[in-house]
Protein backbone atom coordinates (compact mmCIF):
# COMPACT_ATOMS: atom_id res chain seq x y z
CA MET A 1 110.33 134.09 92.85
CA SER A 2 107.97 131.70 94.88
CA LYS A 3 108.63 130.35 98.05
CA ILE A 4 108.91 126.98 96.08
CA GLU A 5 111.64 128.40 93.90
CA ARG A 6 113.22 129.87 96.99
CA ILE A 7 113.99 126.43 98.70
CA LYS A 8 114.86 124.94 95.53
CA ALA A 9 117.33 127.92 94.78
CA ALA A 10 119.06 127.07 98.22
CA THR A 11 119.01 123.09 98.23
CA ASP A 12 118.66 120.82 95.30
CA GLY A 13 116.23 118.17 95.23
CA LEU A 14 118.82 115.61 95.08
CA ASP A 15 120.77 117.37 98.01
CA VAL A 16 118.43 116.13 100.24
CA LEU A 17 119.17 112.67 100.60
CA PRO A 18 121.45 113.14 103.90
CA GLU A 19 119.03 114.91 105.63
CA LEU A 20 116.36 112.11 104.54
CA LEU A 21 118.86 109.45 106.08
CA ARG A 22 119.47 111.45 109.46
CA ALA A 23 115.45 111.92 109.81
CA ALA A 24 115.48 108.06 109.30
CA ARG A 25 117.33 107.76 112.44
CA GLU A 26 116.07 110.80 114.03
CA GLY A 27 112.75 110.61 113.76
CA TRP A 28 110.45 112.71 110.84
CA GLU A 29 109.77 115.73 112.97
CA THR A 30 113.38 116.70 113.11
CA LEU A 31 112.93 117.47 109.12
CA ASP A 32 113.60 121.35 108.11
CA PRO A 33 109.83 122.09 107.29
CA ASP A 34 111.27 123.95 103.67
CA HIS A 35 112.84 120.59 102.93
CA VAL A 36 109.34 118.10 103.22
CA GLY A 37 108.69 119.05 99.77
CA LEU A 38 111.82 118.23 98.55
CA LEU A 39 111.76 114.71 100.08
CA LYS A 40 109.61 114.24 96.42
CA TRP A 41 113.29 113.96 94.33
CA TYR A 42 113.32 110.51 96.35
CA GLY A 43 109.97 109.24 95.77
CA LEU A 44 108.50 110.47 98.74
CA TYR A 45 104.87 112.13 98.87
CA ALA A 46 103.89 113.50 102.70
CA HIS A 47 99.96 112.33 103.44
CA ASN A 48 97.63 114.66 103.55
CA THR A 49 97.30 113.80 107.64
CA GLY A 50 100.48 114.89 108.30
CA ASP A 51 101.64 112.47 110.69
CA GLY A 52 104.66 111.02 109.71
CA HIS A 53 103.23 108.75 106.81
CA PHE A 54 104.66 109.20 103.44
CA MET A 55 103.85 107.69 99.69
CA MET A 56 106.92 106.25 98.55
CA ARG A 57 106.94 106.03 94.34
CA VAL A 58 109.49 103.96 92.89
CA LYS A 59 110.39 103.89 89.12
CA VAL A 60 109.78 101.21 86.24
CA ILE A 61 110.85 101.92 82.62
CA GLN A 62 107.82 101.41 80.38
CA GLY A 63 106.42 99.36 83.24
CA LYS A 64 108.63 96.39 82.68
CA LEU A 65 109.75 94.53 85.43
CA SER A 66 111.53 91.36 86.62
CA ALA A 67 110.24 88.32 88.95
CA ALA A 68 112.60 89.34 91.46
CA GLN A 69 111.65 92.80 91.06
CA VAL A 70 108.18 92.46 91.64
CA GLU A 71 108.78 90.09 94.97
CA THR A 72 110.92 93.02 96.00
CA MET A 73 107.88 95.32 95.60
CA ALA A 74 105.58 92.68 97.35
CA GLY A 75 107.61 92.51 99.90
CA ILE A 76 108.18 96.10 100.64
CA ALA A 77 104.11 96.69 100.79
CA GLU A 78 103.68 93.75 102.59
CA GLU A 79 106.26 94.83 105.57
CA PHE A 80 106.22 98.45 105.43
CA GLY A 81 102.94 99.68 103.23
CA ARG A 82 100.10 97.78 105.11
CA GLY A 83 100.01 95.14 102.14
CA VAL A 84 98.60 97.26 99.70
CA ILE A 85 100.03 98.65 96.67
CA ASP A 86 99.09 100.70 93.60
CA CYS A 87 99.98 100.42 90.08
CA THR A 88 100.07 104.25 88.34
CA THR A 89 98.88 105.92 84.76
CA ARG A 90 102.75 106.09 84.29
CA GLN A 91 103.35 102.76 84.86
CA CYS A 92 105.21 102.65 87.98
CA PHE A 93 104.18 101.78 91.52
CA GLN A 94 103.09 103.50 94.68
CA ILE A 95 103.16 102.35 98.45
CA HIS A 96 101.05 104.45 101.00
CA TRP A 97 101.77 104.38 104.71
CA ILE A 98 105.52 104.30 104.65
CA THR A 99 107.78 105.97 107.80
CA LEU A 100 111.32 107.41 107.32
CA ASP A 101 112.59 105.10 109.74
CA ASN A 102 111.96 102.28 107.22
CA ILE A 103 113.66 104.42 104.38
CA PRO A 104 117.25 102.96 104.55
CA GLU A 105 115.84 99.37 104.50
CA ILE A 106 113.61 99.85 101.59
CA PHE A 107 116.26 101.46 99.65
CA ARG A 108 118.83 98.88 100.24
CA ARG A 109 115.94 96.22 99.04
CA LEU A 110 115.13 98.28 95.92
CA GLU A 111 118.95 98.90 95.22
CA ALA A 112 119.68 95.03 95.20
CA VAL A 113 117.36 94.35 92.24
CA GLY A 114 118.22 97.44 90.43
CA MET A 115 115.09 99.83 91.20
CA THR A 116 115.34 103.14 92.20
CA THR A 117 113.17 106.11 93.67
CA SER A 118 115.28 109.04 92.23
CA GLY A 119 113.50 111.75 90.55
CA ALA A 120 109.81 109.53 91.02
CA CYS A 121 108.50 112.67 92.05
CA GLY A 122 109.15 116.47 92.31
CA ASP A 123 110.47 119.35 89.77
CA ILE A 124 112.67 116.79 87.70
CA THR A 125 112.25 114.19 84.80
CA ARG A 126 109.71 111.86 86.01
CA ASN A 127 109.57 107.67 84.51
CA VAL A 128 109.85 107.11 81.38
CA VAL A 129 106.84 105.43 79.90
CA GLY A 130 106.59 103.85 76.45
CA CYS A 131 104.58 100.85 74.80
CA THR A 132 103.01 98.34 77.17
CA VAL A 133 104.38 95.25 74.52
CA SER A 134 107.58 96.59 73.47
CA GLY A 135 109.40 94.00 71.98
CA LEU A 136 106.54 91.84 72.09
CA ALA A 137 103.50 92.44 70.60
CA HIS A 138 103.23 95.52 68.30
CA ASP A 139 104.65 96.12 64.63
CA GLU A 140 108.19 97.97 66.19
CA ILE A 141 109.94 99.99 64.19
CA VAL A 142 112.53 100.84 66.38
CA ASP A 143 113.53 99.57 69.51
CA GLY A 144 111.94 102.01 71.79
CA TYR A 145 112.75 100.51 75.35
CA ALA A 146 116.63 101.09 74.89
CA THR A 147 115.98 104.36 74.17
CA SER A 148 113.81 104.86 77.13
CA GLU A 149 116.48 103.06 79.39
CA ALA A 150 119.41 105.57 77.98
CA ILE A 151 117.31 108.60 78.21
CA HIS A 152 116.32 107.27 82.02
CA GLU A 153 120.46 106.68 82.60
CA TYR A 154 121.44 109.84 80.94
CA PHE A 155 118.95 111.73 83.63
CA LEU A 156 119.06 109.57 86.70
CA ASP A 157 120.75 111.72 89.29
CA ASN A 158 122.05 114.23 87.02
CA LYS A 159 121.94 117.53 88.73
CA LEU A 160 122.33 119.74 85.74
CA TYR A 161 118.54 118.95 85.14
CA SER A 162 117.13 118.20 88.95
CA ASN A 163 115.83 121.56 89.48
CA LEU A 164 113.61 122.15 86.64
CA PRO A 165 110.38 124.90 86.57
CA ARG A 166 108.13 122.15 87.12
CA LYS A 167 107.79 118.16 86.53
CA TYR A 168 108.69 116.67 83.77
CA LYS A 169 107.39 113.81 81.84
CA VAL A 170 108.96 111.89 78.88
CA SER A 171 107.13 109.30 76.41
CA VAL A 172 108.88 106.58 74.00
CA THR A 173 106.95 104.11 71.67
CA GLY A 174 109.15 102.25 68.99
CA CYS A 175 106.16 101.25 67.53
CA ALA A 176 103.87 101.58 64.62
CA GLU A 177 100.87 101.95 66.90
CA ASP A 178 102.31 104.82 69.00
CA CYS A 179 100.31 103.72 71.59
CA ALA A 180 102.59 105.40 75.08
CA ARG A 181 100.06 108.59 75.44
CA GLY A 182 102.92 110.85 73.89
CA LEU A 183 100.06 113.44 73.36
CA ILE A 184 99.67 114.25 77.00
CA ASN A 185 103.75 114.13 77.47
CA ASP A 186 106.06 117.28 78.24
CA ILE A 187 108.29 115.15 75.76
CA ALA A 188 106.89 112.59 73.06
CA LEU A 189 109.02 110.51 70.94
CA SER A 190 107.40 108.29 68.76
CA ALA A 191 108.52 106.11 65.90
CA ALA A 192 108.90 106.89 62.49
CA ILE A 193 111.26 106.10 59.42
CA HIS A 194 113.10 109.04 57.89
CA GLU A 195 113.53 109.28 54.16
CA ASP A 196 116.85 108.35 54.25
CA GLY A 197 116.21 105.20 55.61
CA THR A 198 117.04 105.39 59.46
CA LYS A 199 114.82 104.02 61.81
CA GLY A 200 114.14 106.48 64.99
CA PHE A 201 111.82 109.26 66.11
CA ASN A 202 109.59 112.06 65.68
CA LEU A 203 109.65 114.67 68.06
CA ARG A 204 106.59 116.49 70.04
CA VAL A 205 106.43 118.37 72.65
CA GLY A 206 104.64 120.62 75.47
CA GLY A 207 101.86 118.27 76.13
CA GLY A 208 100.00 118.09 79.48
CA LEU A 209 96.76 117.89 81.27
CA SER A 210 95.53 119.75 84.42
CA THR A 211 93.81 123.15 84.85
CA ALA A 212 95.49 123.96 80.81
CA PRO A 213 95.17 120.74 78.88
CA ARG A 214 97.63 121.26 75.99
CA PHE A 215 98.76 118.04 73.17
CA ALA A 216 102.17 117.85 72.65
CA ARG A 217 103.17 119.99 69.41
CA TRP A 218 104.77 118.87 65.88
CA VAL A 219 108.79 120.31 65.95
CA ASP A 220 109.80 119.14 62.88
CA ILE A 221 112.70 117.17 64.48
CA PHE A 222 113.79 113.37 63.59
CA VAL A 223 115.93 111.68 65.95
CA SER A 224 117.46 108.77 66.01
CA PRO A 225 118.08 106.49 68.94
CA GLU A 226 121.99 107.34 69.25
CA GLU A 227 120.72 111.36 69.48
CA ALA A 228 117.36 110.81 71.50
CA PRO A 229 119.35 111.56 74.98
CA GLU A 230 121.20 114.33 73.42
CA VAL A 231 118.07 115.99 72.35
CA VAL A 232 116.03 115.41 74.95
CA ALA A 233 118.76 116.47 77.32
CA ALA A 234 118.61 119.84 74.64
CA VAL A 235 114.90 120.49 75.32
CA THR A 236 115.35 119.88 79.30
CA GLY A 237 118.03 122.65 79.17
CA ILE A 238 115.69 125.11 77.66
CA PHE A 239 112.57 124.47 79.39
CA ARG A 240 115.25 124.93 82.77
CA ASP A 241 116.91 128.28 81.97
CA SER A 242 113.43 129.88 81.43
CA ASP A 243 112.94 132.28 83.52
CA ASP A 244 109.47 132.90 83.01
CA ASN A 245 108.33 129.12 83.97
CA ARG A 246 109.36 130.11 87.56
CA LYS A 247 107.38 132.69 88.16
CA ALA A 248 103.94 131.01 88.79
CA ARG A 249 103.74 127.33 89.47
CA GLY A 250 100.48 127.25 87.72
CA LYS A 251 102.09 128.29 84.68
CA ALA A 252 105.47 125.99 84.99
CA ARG A 253 104.54 123.04 82.64
CA LEU A 254 106.82 123.14 79.29
CA LYS A 255 103.60 123.54 77.35
CA PHE A 256 103.62 127.01 78.65
CA LEU A 257 106.96 127.54 77.26
CA VAL A 258 106.06 126.34 73.90
CA ASP A 259 102.82 128.77 73.88
CA ARG A 260 104.98 131.58 73.93
CA ILE A 261 107.52 131.15 71.40
CA GLY A 262 105.83 128.36 69.26
CA PRO A 263 107.42 125.35 67.74
CA GLU A 264 109.42 127.24 65.02
CA ALA A 265 111.73 129.16 67.36
CA LEU A 266 111.99 126.28 69.67
CA ARG A 267 113.20 123.96 67.14
CA ALA A 268 115.87 126.72 66.14
CA GLU A 269 117.09 126.89 70.11
CA ILE A 270 117.53 123.17 70.35
CA ILE A 271 119.53 122.65 66.83
CA GLU A 272 121.66 125.67 68.83
CA ARG A 273 121.62 123.55 71.98
CA VAL A 274 122.90 120.45 69.67
CA GLY A 275 125.67 122.60 67.60
CA ARG A 276 124.24 120.97 64.47
CA ASP A 277 121.40 121.00 62.40
CA LEU A 278 118.77 118.41 63.22
CA ARG A 279 116.31 115.98 60.24
CA HIS A 280 113.51 117.43 59.54
CA GLY A 281 110.92 114.84 61.27
CA VAL A 282 108.94 112.11 59.20
CA PRO A 283 105.09 113.55 58.50
CA LYS A 284 103.14 111.50 60.26
CA ALA A 285 99.41 111.79 62.11
CA PRO A 286 99.76 110.74 65.89
CA GLY A 287 97.89 107.62 66.35
CA LEU A 288 96.80 105.14 69.20
CA SER A 289 96.00 101.73 68.62
CA GLY A 290 93.33 101.81 71.07
CA GLU A 291 94.63 98.54 72.93
CA ASP A 292 94.48 98.13 76.41
CA HIS A 293 96.46 94.95 76.52
CA ILE A 294 93.64 93.31 78.46
CA GLY A 295 93.11 89.20 77.32
CA VAL A 296 94.75 87.22 75.81
CA LEU A 297 97.25 88.26 72.86
CA PRO A 298 99.55 86.87 70.82
CA GLN A 299 103.25 87.44 70.78
CA ALA A 300 105.01 88.17 67.51
CA ASP A 301 107.01 85.27 67.73
CA GLY A 302 103.92 83.36 67.20
CA ALA A 303 104.99 80.63 70.05
CA HIS A 304 103.85 83.20 73.31
CA SER A 305 100.77 85.07 74.30
CA THR A 306 100.52 87.74 76.61
CA VAL A 307 97.89 88.14 79.10
CA GLY A 308 96.84 91.05 80.26
CA MET A 309 94.81 91.55 83.81
CA VAL A 310 92.78 94.64 84.80
CA VAL A 311 93.26 95.74 88.56
CA PRO A 312 90.46 97.07 90.05
CA VAL A 313 91.15 100.91 89.96
CA GLY A 314 94.86 99.97 90.29
CA ARG A 315 94.86 98.82 93.64
CA LEU A 316 96.98 95.30 94.53
CA LYS A 317 97.12 93.61 97.42
CA ALA A 318 100.88 92.73 97.94
CA HIS A 319 99.98 89.18 98.23
CA GLN A 320 98.14 89.96 94.73
CA LEU A 321 101.37 90.97 93.59
CA LEU A 322 103.73 88.44 95.06
CA GLU A 323 101.15 85.48 93.44
CA LEU A 324 101.84 87.48 89.95
CA ALA A 325 105.57 87.23 90.39
CA GLN A 326 104.82 83.31 90.91
CA LEU A 327 102.51 82.88 88.22
CA ALA A 328 105.38 84.03 85.79
CA ARG A 329 107.79 81.93 87.23
CA LYS A 330 105.59 78.97 86.91
CA HIS A 331 103.99 79.44 83.28
CA GLY A 332 105.83 82.33 81.56
CA SER A 333 109.35 81.50 79.86
CA ASN A 334 111.60 84.52 80.59
CA ALA A 335 111.81 85.50 84.37
CA ASP A 336 113.73 88.74 83.35
CA ASP A 337 110.71 89.99 81.64
CA ALA A 338 107.73 88.82 84.10
CA LEU A 339 105.42 91.59 84.42
CA ARG A 340 104.22 95.23 82.53
CA LEU A 341 102.63 97.54 84.01
CA THR A 342 100.18 99.36 81.67
CA HIS A 343 98.86 103.18 81.22
CA GLN A 344 95.53 101.94 82.50
CA GLN A 345 96.85 100.56 85.69
CA ASN A 346 96.65 97.08 85.12
CA VAL A 347 99.01 94.39 84.30
CA VAL A 348 100.28 91.90 81.80
CA LEU A 349 102.01 88.84 81.90
CA PRO A 350 104.02 88.39 79.34
CA TRP A 351 105.96 85.19 77.73
CA ILE A 352 103.59 82.60 78.48
CA PRO A 353 103.77 79.48 76.30
CA ASN A 354 100.68 79.23 74.40
CA GLU A 355 100.54 75.49 76.02
CA HIS A 356 100.78 76.97 79.33
CA VAL A 357 97.79 79.56 78.69
CA ASP A 358 95.02 77.68 79.68
CA ALA A 359 96.69 76.41 82.77
CA LEU A 360 97.26 80.50 83.97
CA LEU A 361 93.88 80.99 83.14
CA ALA A 362 92.30 78.30 85.86
CA GLU A 363 94.29 80.08 88.72
CA PRO A 364 92.44 80.99 91.19
CA LEU A 365 93.87 84.62 91.33
CA VAL A 366 92.84 84.95 87.88
CA SER A 367 89.21 85.32 88.46
CA ASP A 368 90.07 88.56 90.84
CA LEU A 369 92.32 90.01 88.33
CA THR A 370 90.19 89.27 85.35
CA PRO A 371 91.64 88.99 81.76
CA ALA A 372 87.85 89.33 80.65
CA PRO A 373 86.56 92.19 82.78
CA THR A 374 83.26 94.16 82.35
CA LEU A 375 82.33 96.69 80.68
CA PHE A 376 83.08 99.65 83.30
CA GLN A 377 85.76 97.46 84.93
CA ARG A 378 88.07 97.55 81.87
CA GLY A 379 87.98 101.19 81.34
CA LEU A 380 87.91 102.37 84.74
CA GLN A 381 90.81 104.78 85.80
CA THR A 382 91.59 106.57 89.15
CA CYS A 383 94.03 108.95 91.07
CA THR A 384 94.43 108.37 95.27
CA GLY A 385 91.85 110.77 95.88
CA LYS A 386 91.14 112.16 99.25
CA GLU A 387 92.22 109.35 101.26
CA PHE A 388 95.90 110.53 100.90
CA CYS A 389 96.07 113.18 98.37
CA GLY A 390 95.84 116.73 99.81
CA LEU A 391 94.83 118.10 96.62
CA ALA A 392 91.76 116.14 96.23
CA LYS A 393 87.85 116.99 96.66
CA VAL A 394 86.62 113.71 97.13
CA TYR A 395 87.30 110.25 97.38
CA THR A 396 87.91 108.20 94.45
CA LYS A 397 89.30 104.87 94.75
CA SER A 398 86.10 102.84 97.20
CA ARG A 399 83.34 105.41 95.06
CA ALA A 400 84.83 104.19 91.64
CA VAL A 401 84.41 100.46 92.62
CA GLU A 402 80.92 101.35 93.64
CA ILE A 403 80.55 103.39 90.47
CA ALA A 404 81.95 100.61 88.09
CA LYS A 405 79.42 98.37 89.81
CA PHE A 406 76.59 99.80 89.28
CA LEU A 407 76.72 100.52 85.66
CA ASP A 408 77.76 97.35 84.93
CA GLU A 409 74.30 95.95 86.82
CA HIS A 410 72.14 98.73 84.73
CA VAL A 411 74.03 99.53 81.42
CA ARG A 412 73.83 97.05 78.48
CA PRO A 413 76.88 96.87 76.35
CA ASN A 414 75.68 97.76 73.46
CA GLY A 415 78.48 98.99 71.06
CA HIS A 416 80.12 101.14 73.50
CA GLY A 417 83.33 100.46 72.06
CA GLU A 418 85.81 97.87 73.47
CA ASP A 419 88.12 100.51 74.64
CA PHE A 420 85.78 102.66 76.29
CA ARG A 421 86.86 104.72 79.11
CA LEU A 422 85.80 105.94 82.05
CA HIS A 423 88.11 107.97 84.71
CA PHE A 424 87.62 109.43 88.01
CA ALA A 425 90.40 112.37 89.07
CA GLY A 426 90.14 113.59 92.35
CA CYS A 427 90.73 117.41 91.87
CA SER A 428 91.68 119.16 88.37
CA SER A 429 95.28 118.35 88.70
CA SER A 430 94.29 115.20 86.56
CA CYS A 431 96.31 112.55 87.78
CA ALA A 432 93.65 110.34 86.12
CA GLN A 433 93.87 111.88 82.66
CA HIS A 434 89.93 112.54 82.51
CA GLN A 435 90.23 114.80 80.04
CA ILE A 436 91.14 112.60 77.68
CA ALA A 437 88.46 109.64 78.96
CA ASP A 438 85.26 109.14 77.01
CA VAL A 439 83.77 110.32 80.38
CA GLY A 440 85.65 111.88 82.71
CA ILE A 441 85.07 112.76 86.24
CA GLU A 442 86.73 115.35 88.56
CA GLY A 443 85.98 115.73 92.09
CA VAL A 444 85.25 119.52 93.51
CA LEU A 445 82.90 121.00 95.97
CA LYS A 446 79.63 122.35 96.09
CA LYS A 447 77.78 124.36 98.55
CA VAL A 448 74.26 122.62 99.84
CA ASP A 449 72.82 124.67 102.92
CA GLY A 450 75.60 126.39 103.79
CA GLU A 451 78.16 123.23 104.16
CA PHE A 452 80.40 121.98 101.51
CA VAL A 453 80.05 118.80 99.82
CA GLU A 454 81.69 116.46 97.38
CA ALA A 455 80.51 116.42 94.38
CA MET A 456 81.76 116.55 90.49
CA ASP A 457 81.99 117.98 87.35
CA ILE A 458 81.00 115.47 83.92
CA ARG A 459 82.95 116.12 80.73
CA ILE A 460 82.21 114.01 77.60
CA GLY A 461 83.89 113.17 74.38
CA GLY A 462 88.39 113.00 75.32
CA HIS A 463 90.16 110.94 73.82
CA LEU A 464 93.61 110.35 71.89
CA GLY A 465 94.54 109.40 68.27
CA GLU A 466 94.35 111.00 64.98
CA SER A 467 92.24 113.38 65.94
CA PRO A 468 92.73 113.87 69.51
CA LYS A 469 90.22 115.94 71.88
CA PHE A 470 89.87 116.76 75.43
CA GLY A 471 86.37 116.32 77.27
CA ASP A 472 83.91 118.95 77.24
CA VAL A 473 82.46 120.09 80.49
CA VAL A 474 78.45 119.08 80.13
CA LEU A 475 77.80 119.38 84.01
CA LYS A 476 78.90 121.17 86.76
CA LYS A 477 79.04 120.11 90.54
CA VAL A 478 76.95 117.20 90.55
CA PRO A 479 75.99 116.66 94.01
CA HIS A 480 77.73 112.97 94.78
CA TRP A 481 74.54 111.57 96.05
CA ASP A 482 73.25 112.40 92.25
CA LEU A 483 76.38 111.14 90.32
CA ASN A 484 75.44 107.43 89.52
CA GLU A 485 72.04 108.33 88.25
CA THR A 486 73.82 111.06 85.95
CA LEU A 487 75.81 109.05 84.74
CA LEU A 488 73.11 105.96 83.80
CA ARG A 489 71.40 108.93 82.00
CA ILE A 490 74.46 109.30 80.02
CA PHE A 491 74.20 106.13 78.74
CA SER A 492 70.57 106.16 78.36
CA LEU A 493 70.83 109.19 76.25
CA TYR A 494 73.63 107.26 74.09
CA GLU A 495 71.53 104.01 73.91
CA HIS A 496 68.24 105.88 72.79
CA ASN A 497 70.37 107.86 70.18
CA HIS A 498 73.33 106.36 68.45
CA ASP A 499 73.16 104.94 65.08
CA ALA A 500 74.16 101.50 64.28
CA GLY A 501 77.31 100.13 65.22
CA GLU A 502 78.27 103.68 66.36
CA THR A 503 80.39 103.46 69.34
CA PHE A 504 80.18 105.64 72.28
CA ARG A 505 83.29 107.58 71.39
CA ASP A 506 82.13 108.21 67.71
CA PHE A 507 78.37 109.22 69.33
CA ALA A 508 79.94 111.77 71.70
CA GLY A 509 82.27 112.98 68.43
CA ARG A 510 79.72 114.32 66.67
CA THR A 511 77.12 115.47 69.67
CA GLU A 512 77.76 119.22 70.26
CA PRO A 513 78.14 119.62 74.50
CA GLU A 514 75.12 121.88 74.78
CA TRP A 515 73.36 118.79 73.97
CA TRP A 516 74.37 116.99 76.26
CA THR A 517 74.12 119.76 78.99
CA ASN A 518 70.48 120.30 78.01
CA GLU A 519 69.69 116.72 77.90
CA LEU A 520 71.12 116.29 81.61
CA THR A 521 69.96 119.57 83.22
CA PRO A 522 67.02 118.20 85.51
CA VAL A 523 64.12 120.25 84.76
CA GLU A 524 63.22 122.54 88.12
CA GLU A 525 59.61 122.11 89.01
CA PRO A 526 57.85 125.38 89.15
CA VAL A 527 57.09 127.14 92.64
CA SER A 528 53.00 127.02 93.21
């Protein structure tokens, strides 16, 4: 048993709250060193500086927020997080520079507006993600948000499932587009209509990225909204009780259990746990609309629009977030559904009456968080990086801003595709999901003249959809000073070789990784 498993066996992560509150009174140094990691169960990650500062993650089911919740988060970031807040790829918020002495007040404010950090991190069921425009715009087969809420409530503070072998991620989408990135989640519920007329979900399991990426696999089970929490609990119980998944952290995710026993055996065990037969799934390929919800888009009612804006590298200033809430109150018609967070770290203001759209677009903030971004602003996605994360090899946020600016200045948009994606991860853990990007960058280290310098592996050709694919590594250990020019060569190769009307994604899909490697590898001059 690993050290982490021994710690978890002795103290459940949800039982660390009294110690957390004591440390808030007496100082973070009084924490049991073995229990610092257990603070993740309440959304707190220690900064890599080890000086008593923490990152705090707050759950936001499917990214849906009321104006009061947005204002509360902005206030917490301003007062306790040095005025900065990050949007994540799982439709929730992170705030850095938190100190434990402020946690009781922060928790009080969150509770007052129905928010929580419980289960936001750690080996537990994480934030439930879903369609950004659930109930608003997409062709919705079933109410995915209601099912997400039911799953969230079932697992919240539930000690039956608070000591899992590893983190555990759930995606639910009730729309026909199947747009909630379910293929890279441990559990993926995607909308379908059974042959008996029941509206519900197909079940896929075992998706995930990191060093051993897998797409979630079909287990031939259809569940109604009423069955969803029970079936998800059955899968979670199988995962929880798998001793093989606790032998090594690197092999602890649900995907490895599916590798071992296969979807058919897993289906049989799910049925055994539920205690009755379950309907077979509805044949349907996992789709992806490709929408990032940026720009002015119509809502289904015809009277309102959503306005999606790019948040550069997912980082907002607290006063910008507060202003978003103010704009939602001023121009929107539903303060209970004032803001949506997207899978690409951006924001959407829903319920804007069509006659108010022009006034909203004229607001000063909209020139900074633009609904009409450049090609590389739009597709950019990053993790926290070395600035705060102890796993990251390189800095990501500031460097990604430089990369996007450089590429927008030097690359002429020419059919790349409106949903082109450039993702920059600081390490192999894949928080920026670089394996599913058109161009994915992963931070590594390279030894140059006896010293380690920041470098990057580059992947090309990743995407979700009906024929999903992880990007292929085409170059390894590109030193940071060569990165911009290397990226520029990638887009020059596309520019000179693609067919008319062929997007970057389509071109990469038919191009062998060896071709990219050969074309991009510098030719070394012979030594005379």
